Amino acid sequence: MPSMASLTVKKADNTTDIVYDALSAAGGDGSPAVWRQDTGGTAALPVGLRKLFTMFTKWNGPKTARQANFSFTYPYVVQDSTTTLYTAKDKVVFSGIVTLPSAIPQATLDEAAAQFANLLATSLVRSAVASGYAPN
């Protein structure tokens, strides 16, 4: 089981790092680990309007597989030029469930996880997600 730590990812420019600070480790099955983008963000931005990534794991119903559930919330925040208050106009939400059967060897699960993460990071998939349309 991995230990909780902050996450560093690249921005869309593939150069600039963004740090998602470790807020809380999972407390057990079904309890989420939580990260929020505090480092490098606008200090005056209320914490409720910052980017948030959560993940929890649990057994499936018959306990034949582990499931990793994740959610990423990316608010669209604007600052009022008169009051200087921040408000979220909307938000982008990514969520999903990954099912990992317990009868599959760990090396195969490792490879599947790596390929899945790398597929999500390809420019074609990133472009499709950003545009809202699958490649045709």
Protein backbone atom coordinates (compact mmCIF):
# COMPACT_ATOMS: atom_id res chain seq x y z
CA MET A 1 0.00 0.00 0.00
CA PRO A 2 1.48 3.38 -1.00
CA SER A 3 2.15 6.12 1.54
CA MET A 4 0.38 9.47 1.26
CA ALA A 5 2.43 12.24 -0.37
CA SER A 6 1.89 15.40 -2.38
CA LEU A 7 1.49 14.99 -6.15
CA THR A 8 3.41 16.96 -8.77
CA VAL A 9 2.03 17.10 -12.31
CA LYS A 10 2.77 19.14 -15.41
CA LYS A 11 0.47 21.89 -16.63
CA ALA A 12 -0.78 21.75 -20.22
CA ASP A 13 2.43 23.54 -21.32
CA ASN A 14 4.36 20.33 -20.36
CA THR A 15 6.91 22.52 -18.55
CA THR A 16 5.35 24.08 -15.47
CA ASP A 17 4.85 21.90 -12.39
CA ILE A 18 1.66 22.04 -10.33
CA VAL A 19 1.71 20.62 -6.81
CA TYR A 20 -1.35 19.02 -5.26
CA ASP A 21 -0.71 19.05 -1.53
CA ALA A 22 -1.58 15.97 0.51
CA LEU A 23 -4.44 17.02 2.80
CA SER A 24 -5.45 13.72 4.36
CA ALA A 25 -4.55 10.11 3.90
CA ALA A 26 -7.27 7.50 3.50
CA GLY A 27 -8.51 6.20 6.82
CA GLY A 28 -9.25 2.73 5.45
CA ASP A 29 -11.51 1.10 2.87
CA GLY A 30 -13.98 3.58 1.41
CA SER A 31 -12.29 6.56 3.08
CA PRO A 32 -10.79 9.03 0.60
CA ALA A 33 -7.26 10.33 0.34
CA VAL A 34 -7.51 14.04 -0.47
CA TRP A 35 -5.19 16.41 -2.34
CA ARG A 36 -5.74 20.11 -3.04
CA GLN A 37 -3.76 22.57 -5.14
CA ASP A 38 -2.59 24.99 -2.46
CA THR A 39 1.12 25.33 -3.31
CA GLY A 40 1.65 27.87 -6.07
CA GLY A 41 -2.00 28.91 -6.10
CA THR A 42 -3.46 32.31 -5.31
CA ALA A 43 -3.12 32.72 -1.53
CA ALA A 44 -6.35 34.74 -1.26
CA LEU A 45 -8.38 32.09 -3.08
CA PRO A 46 -10.77 30.42 -0.60
CA VAL A 47 -9.92 26.75 -0.09
CA GLY A 48 -13.41 25.73 -1.23
CA LEU A 49 -12.65 27.16 -4.67
CA ARG A 50 -9.34 25.35 -5.21
CA LYS A 51 -8.69 22.30 -7.40
CA LEU A 52 -9.32 19.04 -5.55
CA PHE A 53 -8.39 15.41 -6.24
CA THR A 54 -9.78 12.55 -4.16
CA MET A 55 -9.33 8.80 -4.33
CA PHE A 56 -10.62 5.88 -2.31
CA THR A 57 -10.40 2.13 -2.71
CA LYS A 58 -12.63 -0.73 -1.63
CA TRP A 59 -13.59 -4.30 -2.46
CA ASN A 60 -16.25 -4.94 -5.08
CA GLY A 61 -19.42 -6.74 -3.85
CA PRO A 62 -18.20 -10.37 -4.05
CA LYS A 63 -14.64 -9.38 -2.97
CA THR A 64 -13.10 -10.66 -6.20
CA ALA A 65 -11.59 -7.29 -7.14
CA ARG A 66 -10.40 -4.02 -5.65
CA GLN A 67 -11.92 -0.81 -6.99
CA ALA A 68 -10.14 2.52 -7.12
CA ASN A 69 -12.58 5.44 -7.27
CA PHE A 70 -11.29 8.88 -8.13
CA SER A 71 -12.63 12.38 -8.65
CA PHE A 72 -10.94 15.59 -9.81
CA THR A 73 -12.73 18.94 -9.51
CA TYR A 74 -11.33 21.95 -11.36
CA PRO A 75 -13.37 25.09 -10.58
CA TYR A 76 -13.60 28.01 -13.01
CA VAL A 77 -13.00 30.89 -10.62
CA VAL A 78 -13.28 34.61 -11.34
CA GLN A 79 -12.48 37.59 -9.17
CA ASP A 80 -14.88 40.53 -9.05
CA SER A 81 -12.91 43.67 -9.93
CA THR A 82 -15.00 45.82 -7.59
CA THR A 83 -15.33 43.67 -4.47
CA THR A 84 -12.20 41.52 -5.12
CA LEU A 85 -14.25 38.50 -4.02
CA TYR A 86 -13.72 35.17 -5.77
CA THR A 87 -16.63 33.10 -7.08
CA ALA A 88 -16.81 29.79 -8.91
CA LYS A 89 -18.76 30.28 -12.13
CA ASP A 90 -18.69 26.54 -12.93
CA LYS A 91 -16.42 23.52 -12.56
CA VAL A 92 -14.92 20.72 -14.61
CA VAL A 93 -15.37 17.30 -12.98
CA PHE A 94 -13.52 14.12 -13.88
CA SER A 95 -14.52 10.90 -12.10
CA GLY A 96 -14.11 7.20 -12.62
CA ILE A 97 -13.75 3.73 -11.21
CA VAL A 98 -10.93 1.32 -11.98
CA THR A 99 -11.61 -2.37 -11.21
CA LEU A 100 -8.58 -4.56 -10.44
CA PRO A 101 -9.45 -8.29 -10.19
CA SER A 102 -7.57 -9.99 -7.36
CA ALA A 103 -6.89 -13.13 -9.47
CA ILE A 104 -4.63 -11.20 -11.88
CA PRO A 105 -0.88 -11.17 -11.12
CA GLN A 106 0.50 -7.93 -9.66
CA ALA A 107 2.87 -7.43 -12.60
CA THR A 108 -0.12 -7.45 -14.97
CA LEU A 109 -2.01 -4.98 -12.75
CA ASP A 110 1.08 -2.74 -12.68
CA GLU A 111 1.31 -2.79 -16.47
CA ALA A 112 -2.42 -2.16 -16.91
CA ALA A 113 -2.29 0.81 -14.51
CA ALA A 114 0.75 2.29 -16.28
CA GLN A 115 -0.79 1.94 -19.72
CA PHE A 116 -4.12 3.40 -18.52
CA ALA A 117 -2.42 6.45 -17.01
CA ASN A 118 -0.28 6.89 -20.13
CA LEU A 119 -3.33 6.60 -22.40
CA LEU A 120 -5.06 9.37 -20.46
CA ALA A 121 -1.94 11.52 -20.88
CA THR A 122 -1.72 11.16 -24.68
CA SER A 123 -2.31 14.31 -26.67
CA LEU A 124 -5.20 12.73 -28.60
CA VAL A 125 -7.11 11.72 -25.46
CA ARG A 126 -6.32 15.04 -23.75
CA SER A 127 -7.58 16.87 -26.84
CA ALA A 128 -10.76 14.78 -26.95
CA VAL A 129 -11.44 15.44 -23.26
CA ALA A 130 -10.76 19.17 -23.64
CA SER A 131 -13.04 19.49 -26.68
CA GLY A 132 -15.75 17.24 -25.32
CA TYR A 133 -15.71 15.05 -28.45
CA ALA A 134 -14.23 11.60 -29.04
CA PRO A 135 -11.94 11.27 -32.08
CA ASN A 136 -13.88 10.52 -35.27
